[in-house]
Amino acid sequence: MLSIYSGIIILICFIVYKTIIIVSERENIIVERLGKYQRTLVPGIYFLIPFIDFAAYRQEMREQVIDIPSQSVITKDNIQVEIDGLLYLKVMDSKKASYGIGNYLAASINLAQTTMRSEVGKITLGAIFSERDEVNANIISEIDKASDPWGVKVLRYEIKDIAPSQHVVETLEKQMEAEREKRAEITRATAEKEKLINVSEGKRQSAINISEGEKLKRVNEANGRAEGIKLIADSTAQSLELVGAAIKLPGGNEALKMRIIDQYIDQLDEVLEGGDISLFPANLASLKGIIDELKGNKSTLKEGNHDDR
């Protein structure tokens, strides 16, 4: 009897278990009635018809992170690298996720790997690092279009790690070292060029300054000579004016002649005294004429003095 009661209790518990179903906040449940889709259960408590309704699928409705396994990829410049990534997706339609594909997680992983190989093969290794965001966006776009019939929304994709082979790493290091040396040579050449330019500019400016100083010197000297000539000319003019005024006075002309004769005799004496040989005037008549002129001038001066008296 006890075993019968126990069996009945177990049967009742089993029926209750199959009849009452509680759906949590993080999931949706697909109910089938006699093997055909009947409804989608959202969070809450529900009663099913025992042995007729069945909870066929439970779908996770939270955002899921899928670790894409590392795979070998050939870039556009024929360099082999190992790339893995992270795929973020979310089930938007639990019915499509249940009936649209057998396993959307495995399908998403395979599609992400295929799309990543295709996108990476279009660009060079350097572009993978510099254009990572663009590569991620292209992968998201391709996966999202393919996963739409599955009721799955791809939110984002991130390349997690890029690992070239050891040979490629060594080649890249040598290339980077050569590039650094090249930049250093360019920097040194640019510095030397700027140095030569500065030295040349300094010499040019120095030459300009010297030339400007020489120019100013010559201008000042010329102005000084011009000023001196002007002063001499002014003095000569004033002297000539005074001489002319004196000549116009009574006896001025005769006094001028006497002055000229005196200067002539003085100059002649200096020439005769400075020479090594004695010279006599070749034209004694000229000397006699000078003496006669002197006598005439003296007579004229005397007459003029008598007239004045």
Protein backbone atom coordinates (compact mmCIF):
# COMPACT_ATOMS: atom_id res chain seq x y z
CA MET A 1 0.00 0.00 0.00
CA LEU A 2 2.77 2.43 0.90
CA SER A 3 4.50 1.92 -2.42
CA ILE A 4 1.23 2.62 -4.25
CA TYR A 5 0.76 5.87 -2.36
CA SER A 6 4.33 6.82 -3.02
CA GLY A 7 3.90 6.17 -6.71
CA ILE A 8 0.74 8.27 -6.79
CA ILE A 9 2.50 11.14 -4.99
CA ILE A 10 5.42 10.96 -7.37
CA LEU A 11 3.04 10.97 -10.35
CA ILE A 12 1.19 13.99 -9.00
CA CYS A 13 4.47 15.85 -8.45
CA PHE A 14 5.56 15.00 -11.97
CA ILE A 15 2.26 16.27 -13.40
CA VAL A 16 2.55 19.50 -11.38
CA TYR A 17 6.15 19.88 -12.56
CA LYS A 18 5.02 19.54 -16.15
CA THR A 19 2.01 21.79 -15.62
CA ILE A 20 3.53 24.78 -13.81
CA ILE A 21 6.45 26.62 -15.39
CA ILE A 22 8.23 29.72 -14.12
CA VAL A 23 10.10 31.92 -16.60
CA SER A 24 12.93 34.04 -15.17
CA GLU A 25 13.68 37.64 -16.18
CA ARG A 26 16.75 36.69 -18.24
CA GLU A 27 15.10 34.22 -20.63
CA ASN A 28 12.22 33.37 -22.93
CA ILE A 29 10.73 29.91 -23.33
CA ILE A 30 9.31 28.47 -26.54
CA VAL A 31 6.27 26.24 -25.93
CA GLU A 32 5.27 23.54 -28.42
CA ARG A 33 1.89 21.83 -28.43
CA LEU A 34 2.00 18.36 -29.88
CA GLY A 35 5.31 19.23 -31.58
CA LYS A 36 4.13 22.52 -33.12
CA TYR A 37 5.02 26.05 -32.02
CA GLN A 38 2.31 27.28 -29.70
CA ARG A 39 3.62 30.43 -27.97
CA THR A 40 6.57 32.28 -26.44
CA LEU A 41 6.63 32.64 -22.69
CA VAL A 42 8.08 35.85 -21.30
CA PRO A 43 9.12 36.22 -17.61
CA GLY A 44 6.35 35.06 -15.27
CA ILE A 45 4.47 31.89 -14.12
CA TYR A 46 2.46 29.75 -16.54
CA PHE A 47 0.39 26.53 -16.58
CA LEU A 48 0.81 24.00 -19.32
CA ILE A 49 -1.35 21.10 -20.39
CA PRO A 50 0.45 18.00 -19.18
CA PHE A 51 1.77 15.67 -21.88
CA ILE A 52 0.51 18.07 -24.59
CA ASP A 53 2.45 21.30 -24.07
CA PHE A 54 6.22 21.14 -23.78
CA ALA A 55 8.89 23.76 -23.10
CA ALA A 56 10.91 23.08 -26.25
CA TYR A 57 13.58 25.87 -26.09
CA ARG A 58 14.97 28.22 -23.51
CA GLN A 59 16.62 31.29 -25.05
CA GLU A 60 19.04 33.60 -23.19
CA MET A 61 17.83 37.19 -23.70
CA ARG A 62 20.80 38.95 -22.17
CA GLU A 63 23.74 40.24 -24.19
CA GLN A 64 26.25 37.46 -24.71
CA VAL A 65 30.01 37.62 -25.23
CA ILE A 66 31.52 35.00 -27.51
CA ASP A 67 35.26 34.44 -27.57
CA ILE A 68 36.27 33.91 -31.20
CA PRO A 69 39.13 31.38 -31.28
CA SER A 70 42.46 32.44 -32.75
CA GLN A 71 42.96 31.64 -36.42
CA SER A 72 45.67 32.09 -39.04
CA VAL A 73 44.96 34.85 -41.56
CA ILE A 74 46.88 36.01 -44.65
CA THR A 75 46.96 39.77 -45.18
CA LYS A 76 47.00 41.59 -48.51
CA ASP A 77 50.80 41.85 -48.40
CA ASN A 78 51.08 38.04 -47.86
CA ILE A 79 51.94 38.13 -44.16
CA GLN A 80 50.56 35.40 -41.94
CA VAL A 81 49.15 36.52 -38.59
CA GLU A 82 47.15 34.95 -35.78
CA ILE A 83 43.99 36.93 -34.94
CA ASP A 84 41.29 36.35 -32.35
CA GLY A 85 38.41 38.51 -31.24
CA LEU A 86 35.32 39.06 -29.13
CA LEU A 87 31.77 39.02 -30.51
CA TYR A 88 28.91 40.70 -28.61
CA LEU A 89 25.39 39.66 -29.61
CA LYS A 90 21.87 39.52 -28.25
CA VAL A 91 18.78 37.43 -29.09
CA MET A 92 16.07 39.78 -30.31
CA ASP A 93 13.50 37.18 -31.47
CA SER A 94 13.49 33.97 -29.47
CA LYS A 95 11.25 32.15 -32.00
CA LYS A 96 13.68 32.83 -34.90
CA ALA A 97 16.62 31.91 -32.66
CA SER A 98 14.90 28.58 -31.94
CA TYR A 99 13.69 27.65 -35.42
CA GLY A 100 15.80 29.84 -37.76
CA ILE A 101 19.06 27.97 -37.07
CA GLY A 102 20.16 24.97 -35.09
CA ASN A 103 22.86 26.67 -33.02
CA TYR A 104 23.21 30.40 -33.49
CA LEU A 105 26.24 30.60 -31.20
CA ALA A 106 28.30 28.18 -33.30
CA ALA A 107 27.04 29.80 -36.48
CA SER A 108 28.00 33.26 -35.21
CA ILE A 109 31.51 32.07 -34.33
CA ASN A 110 32.06 30.47 -37.74
CA LEU A 111 30.61 33.49 -39.54
CA ALA A 112 32.83 35.86 -37.52
CA GLN A 113 35.93 33.86 -38.42
CA THR A 114 35.02 33.70 -42.11
CA THR A 115 34.21 37.40 -42.28
CA MET A 116 37.38 38.31 -40.41
CA ARG A 117 39.53 36.32 -42.86
CA SER A 118 37.82 38.05 -45.76
CA GLU A 119 38.21 41.56 -44.35
CA VAL A 120 41.81 41.11 -43.20
CA GLY A 121 42.75 39.70 -46.60
CA LYS A 122 41.76 43.02 -48.18
CA ILE A 123 44.25 45.14 -46.22
CA THR A 124 47.94 45.11 -45.30
CA LEU A 125 49.39 44.25 -41.91
CA GLY A 126 50.05 47.90 -41.09
CA ALA A 127 46.47 48.80 -41.96
CA ILE A 128 45.15 46.22 -39.48
CA PHE A 129 46.68 48.21 -36.63
CA SER A 130 45.84 51.66 -37.97
CA GLU A 131 42.37 50.78 -39.30
CA ARG A 132 41.21 48.37 -36.60
CA ASP A 133 37.98 50.27 -35.97
CA GLU A 134 37.08 50.14 -39.66
CA VAL A 135 37.80 46.39 -39.80
CA ASN A 136 35.60 45.85 -36.73
CA ALA A 137 32.77 47.87 -38.30
CA ASN A 138 32.94 45.86 -41.55
CA ILE A 139 32.84 42.55 -39.66
CA ILE A 140 29.85 43.73 -37.60
CA SER A 141 28.00 44.79 -40.74
CA GLU A 142 28.54 41.45 -42.51
CA ILE A 143 27.65 39.29 -39.49
CA ASP A 144 24.59 41.40 -38.68
CA LYS A 145 23.16 40.99 -42.17
CA ALA A 146 23.68 37.22 -42.10
CA SER A 147 22.31 36.77 -38.57
CA ASP A 148 19.10 38.72 -39.08
CA PRO A 149 17.10 35.58 -40.07
CA TRP A 150 18.28 33.96 -36.83
CA GLY A 151 16.66 36.64 -34.68
CA VAL A 152 20.10 37.64 -33.38
CA LYS A 153 21.49 41.18 -33.29
CA VAL A 154 25.28 41.65 -33.44
CA LEU A 155 26.10 44.61 -31.19
CA ARG A 156 29.86 44.90 -31.70
CA TYR A 157 33.00 43.03 -32.59
CA GLU A 158 36.50 43.68 -31.26
CA ILE A 159 39.81 42.30 -32.53
CA LYS A 160 41.42 41.14 -29.30
CA ASP A 161 44.91 40.16 -30.36
CA ILE A 162 47.05 40.29 -33.51
CA ALA A 163 50.12 38.06 -33.39
CA PRO A 164 52.42 37.90 -36.44
CA SER A 165 54.85 35.01 -36.74
CA GLN A 166 58.31 35.27 -35.19
CA HIS A 167 59.94 35.76 -38.58
CA VAL A 168 57.52 38.58 -39.38
CA VAL A 169 58.20 40.16 -35.97
CA GLU A 170 61.96 40.10 -36.62
CA THR A 171 61.45 41.55 -40.10
CA LEU A 172 59.22 44.30 -38.72
CA GLU A 173 61.77 45.12 -36.02
CA LYS A 174 64.51 45.47 -38.64
CA GLN A 175 62.21 47.59 -40.76
CA MET A 176 61.36 49.81 -37.80
CA GLU A 177 65.05 50.12 -36.91
CA ALA A 178 65.85 51.11 -40.50
CA GLU A 179 62.99 53.59 -40.43
CA ARG A 180 64.26 55.11 -37.17
CA GLU A 181 67.78 55.36 -38.62
CA LYS A 182 66.34 56.99 -41.72
CA ARG A 183 64.46 59.55 -39.63
CA ALA A 184 67.61 60.19 -37.60
CA GLU A 185 69.61 60.79 -40.80
CA ILE A 186 66.92 63.12 -42.07
CA THR A 187 66.94 64.97 -38.73
CA ARG A 188 70.73 65.30 -38.79
CA ALA A 189 70.68 66.45 -42.43
CA THR A 190 67.96 68.97 -41.64
CA ALA A 191 69.94 70.28 -38.66
CA GLU A 192 73.10 70.58 -40.77
CA LYS A 193 71.16 72.35 -43.47
CA GLU A 194 69.69 74.79 -40.97
CA LYS A 195 73.16 75.33 -39.52
CA LEU A 196 74.61 76.18 -42.94
CA ILE A 197 71.66 78.43 -43.67
CA ASN A 198 72.13 80.24 -40.35
CA VAL A 199 75.89 80.63 -40.92
CA SER A 200 75.30 81.87 -44.46
CA GLU A 201 72.61 84.23 -43.25
CA GLY A 202 74.96 85.51 -40.56
CA LYS A 203 77.76 86.10 -43.06
CA ARG A 204 75.35 87.80 -45.44
CA GLN A 205 74.04 90.03 -42.67
CA SER A 206 77.60 90.78 -41.55
CA ALA A 207 78.58 91.71 -45.11
CA ILE A 208 75.49 93.89 -45.37
CA ASN A 209 76.34 95.61 -42.10
CA ILE A 210 79.96 96.17 -43.19
CA SER A 211 78.77 97.47 -46.55
CA GLU A 212 76.26 99.78 -44.89
CA GLY A 213 78.95 101.03 -42.51
CA GLU A 214 81.40 101.58 -45.40
CA LYS A 215 78.68 103.36 -47.31
CA LEU A 216 77.91 105.64 -44.39
CA LYS A 217 81.64 106.25 -43.91
CA ARG A 218 82.07 107.25 -47.54
CA VAL A 219 78.97 109.40 -47.44
CA ASN A 220 80.22 111.15 -44.32
CA GLU A 221 83.70 111.64 -45.83
CA ALA A 222 82.20 112.97 -49.05
CA ASN A 223 79.93 115.27 -47.07
CA GLY A 224 82.99 116.46 -45.09
CA ARG A 225 85.02 117.08 -48.25
CA ALA A 226 82.09 118.84 -49.84
CA GLU A 227 81.67 120.99 -46.77
CA GLY A 228 85.40 121.78 -46.76
CA ILE A 229 85.36 122.66 -50.45
CA LYS A 230 82.34 124.82 -49.85
CA LEU A 231 84.06 126.63 -46.99
CA ILE A 232 87.23 127.12 -49.08
CA ALA A 233 85.15 128.34 -51.99
CA ASP A 234 83.23 130.71 -49.73
CA SER A 235 86.51 131.98 -48.25
CA THR A 236 88.07 132.37 -51.70
CA ALA A 237 85.00 134.17 -52.94
CA GLN A 238 85.06 136.52 -49.97
CA SER A 239 88.81 137.07 -50.48
CA LEU A 240 88.31 137.81 -54.15
CA GLU A 241 85.49 140.17 -53.30
CA LEU A 242 87.75 141.99 -50.85
CA VAL A 243 90.60 142.09 -53.41
CA GLY A 244 88.25 143.35 -56.10
CA ALA A 245 86.97 146.02 -53.74
CA ALA A 246 90.54 147.01 -52.89
CA ILE A 247 91.51 147.20 -56.58
CA LYS A 248 88.68 149.63 -57.20
CA LEU A 249 90.12 152.00 -54.60
CA PRO A 250 92.63 154.74 -55.73
CA GLY A 251 96.08 153.17 -56.24
CA GLY A 252 94.63 149.66 -55.86
CA ASN A 253 95.64 148.46 -59.28
CA GLU A 254 99.24 149.61 -58.82
CA ALA A 255 99.37 147.99 -55.39
CA LEU A 256 98.18 144.72 -56.90
CA LYS A 257 100.92 144.82 -59.49
CA MET A 258 103.51 145.51 -56.83
CA ARG A 259 102.21 142.54 -54.82
CA ILE A 260 102.44 140.21 -57.81
CA ILE A 261 106.01 141.40 -58.57
CA ASP A 262 107.04 140.84 -54.94
CA GLN A 263 105.63 137.29 -55.01
CA TYR A 264 107.41 136.61 -58.30
CA ILE A 265 110.75 137.73 -56.90
CA ASP A 266 110.22 135.73 -53.69
CA GLN A 267 109.37 132.55 -55.64
CA LEU A 268 112.34 133.07 -57.95
CA ASP A 269 114.66 133.41 -54.96
CA GLU A 270 113.34 130.17 -53.47
CA VAL A 271 113.92 128.33 -56.75
CA LEU A 272 117.45 129.63 -57.09
CA GLU A 273 118.34 128.84 -53.46
CA GLY A 274 116.91 125.31 -53.62
CA GLY A 275 118.75 124.26 -56.80
CA ASP A 276 122.22 122.65 -57.03
CA ILE A 277 123.32 124.92 -59.89
CA SER A 278 123.12 128.65 -60.41
CA LEU A 279 120.68 129.94 -62.98
CA PHE A 280 120.58 133.35 -64.61
CA PRO A 281 117.52 134.70 -66.29
CA ALA A 282 117.70 133.98 -69.99
CA ASN A 283 115.86 137.14 -70.83
CA LEU A 284 117.59 140.08 -69.16
CA ALA A 285 115.27 142.41 -71.03
CA SER A 286 112.41 140.95 -69.03
CA LEU A 287 114.24 141.57 -65.76
CA LYS A 288 114.99 145.12 -66.89
CA GLY A 289 111.33 145.56 -67.74
CA ILE A 290 110.39 144.47 -64.26
CA ILE A 291 112.74 147.02 -62.72
CA ASP A 292 111.43 149.74 -65.03
CA GLU A 293 107.94 148.82 -64.04
CA LEU A 294 108.85 149.09 -60.42
CA LYS A 295 110.32 152.56 -61.00
CA GLY A 296 107.19 153.61 -62.90
CA ASN A 297 104.96 152.39 -60.14
CA LYS A 298 106.97 154.24 -57.55
CA SER A 299 106.73 157.46 -59.57
CA THR A 300 103.03 157.01 -59.98
CA LEU A 301 102.56 156.37 -56.29
CA LYS A 302 104.53 159.56 -55.49
CA GLU A 303 102.45 161.64 -57.91
CA GLY A 304 99.33 160.24 -56.48
CA ASN A 305 100.47 161.15 -53.03
CA HIS A 306 101.28 164.73 -54.13
CA ASP A 307 97.84 165.01 -55.74
CA ASP A 308 96.20 163.87 -52.58
CA ARG A 309 97.99 166.58 -50.70
